[in-house]
Amino acid sequence: MADTFTVGNLKVKKLVEQAQIDSFVVTLPAEKKADVKDVILALHEEGLIEIEEI
């Protein structure tokens, strides 16, 4: 299921299904969702994605 994409200078690899990512993002407070970088970091800290600088 290795779905990989880039955001800016980050390579992002999903470790779980999109539905699980969506469910997690819904639970984030609004201030964490204001910037895509904050969302990516939260997903990474939760172990739902891997990120790598490119």
C-alpha atoms as a PDB file:
ATOM      1  CA  MET A   1       0.000   0.000   0.000  1.00  0.00           C
ATOM      2  CA  ALA A   2       2.989   2.318  -0.310  1.00  0.00           C
ATOM      3  CA  ASP A   3       1.318   5.510  -1.456  1.00  0.00           C
ATOM      4  CA  THR A   4       4.048   8.153  -1.759  1.00  0.00           C
ATOM      5  CA  PHE A   5       3.790  11.816  -2.709  1.00  0.00           C
ATOM      6  CA  THR A   6       5.691  15.055  -2.191  1.00  0.00           C
ATOM      7  CA  VAL A   7       4.689  18.233  -0.396  1.00  0.00           C
ATOM      8  CA  GLY A   8       7.170  21.037  -0.848  1.00  0.00           C
ATOM      9  CA  ASN A   9      10.550  19.507  -0.028  1.00  0.00           C
ATOM     10  CA  LEU A  10       9.081  16.518   1.855  1.00  0.00           C
ATOM     11  CA  LYS A  11       8.544  13.009   0.519  1.00  0.00           C
ATOM     12  CA  VAL A  12       5.523  11.540   2.308  1.00  0.00           C
ATOM     13  CA  LYS A  13       4.767   7.820   2.502  1.00  0.00           C
ATOM     14  CA  LYS A  14       1.408   6.671   3.872  1.00  0.00           C
ATOM     15  CA  LEU A  15       1.669   3.758   6.297  1.00  0.00           C
ATOM     16  CA  VAL A  16      -2.091   3.309   6.735  1.00  0.00           C
ATOM     17  CA  GLU A  17      -5.241   3.633   4.624  1.00  0.00           C
ATOM     18  CA  GLN A  18      -6.496   7.104   3.678  1.00  0.00           C
ATOM     19  CA  ALA A  19      -9.633   6.640   5.801  1.00  0.00           C
ATOM     20  CA  GLN A  20      -7.492   6.258   8.941  1.00  0.00           C
ATOM     21  CA  ILE A  21      -5.546   9.417   8.059  1.00  0.00           C
ATOM     22  CA  ASP A  22      -8.787  11.324   7.437  1.00  0.00           C
ATOM     23  CA  SER A  23     -10.224  10.162  10.769  1.00  0.00           C
ATOM     24  CA  PHE A  24      -7.117  11.348  12.617  1.00  0.00           C
ATOM     25  CA  VAL A  25      -7.029  14.747  10.877  1.00  0.00           C
ATOM     26  CA  VAL A  26     -10.668  15.395  11.855  1.00  0.00           C
ATOM     27  CA  THR A  27      -9.641  15.101  15.531  1.00  0.00           C
ATOM     28  CA  LEU A  28      -6.908  17.746  15.254  1.00  0.00           C
ATOM     29  CA  PRO A  29      -7.647  21.178  16.725  1.00  0.00           C
ATOM     30  CA  ALA A  30      -8.237  23.945  14.161  1.00  0.00           C
ATOM     31  CA  GLU A  31      -4.872  25.595  14.864  1.00  0.00           C
ATOM     32  CA  LYS A  32      -3.083  22.340  13.943  1.00  0.00           C
ATOM     33  CA  LYS A  33      -4.989  22.198  10.638  1.00  0.00           C
ATOM     34  CA  ALA A  34      -4.191  25.790   9.606  1.00  0.00           C
ATOM     35  CA  ASP A  35      -0.829  24.829   8.068  1.00  0.00           C
ATOM     36  CA  VAL A  36      -0.275  21.673   6.019  1.00  0.00           C
ATOM     37  CA  LYS A  37       3.170  21.267   7.621  1.00  0.00           C
ATOM     38  CA  ASP A  38       1.569  21.001  11.060  1.00  0.00           C
ATOM     39  CA  VAL A  39      -0.828  18.319   9.773  1.00  0.00           C
ATOM     40  CA  ILE A  40       2.045  16.357   8.224  1.00  0.00           C
ATOM     41  CA  LEU A  41       4.078  16.549  11.438  1.00  0.00           C
ATOM     42  CA  ALA A  42       1.088  15.405  13.512  1.00  0.00           C
ATOM     43  CA  LEU A  43       0.500  12.455  11.166  1.00  0.00           C
ATOM     44  CA  HIS A  44       4.185  11.549  11.400  1.00  0.00           C
ATOM     45  CA  GLU A  45       4.229  11.792  15.202  1.00  0.00           C
ATOM     46  CA  GLU A  46       1.164   9.515  15.295  1.00  0.00           C
ATOM     47  CA  GLY A  47       3.005   6.945  13.114  1.00  0.00           C
ATOM     48  CA  LEU A  48       0.557   7.169  10.220  1.00  0.00           C
ATOM     49  CA  ILE A  49       3.094   8.440   7.679  1.00  0.00           C
ATOM     50  CA  GLU A  50       6.847   8.591   7.129  1.00  0.00           C
ATOM     51  CA  ILE A  51       8.443  11.814   5.965  1.00  0.00           C
ATOM     52  CA  GLU A  52      11.799  12.381   4.348  1.00  0.00           C
ATOM     53  CA  GLU A  53      13.400  15.653   3.252  1.00  0.00           C
ATOM     54  CA  ILE A  54      14.355  15.766  -0.412  1.00  0.00           C
END
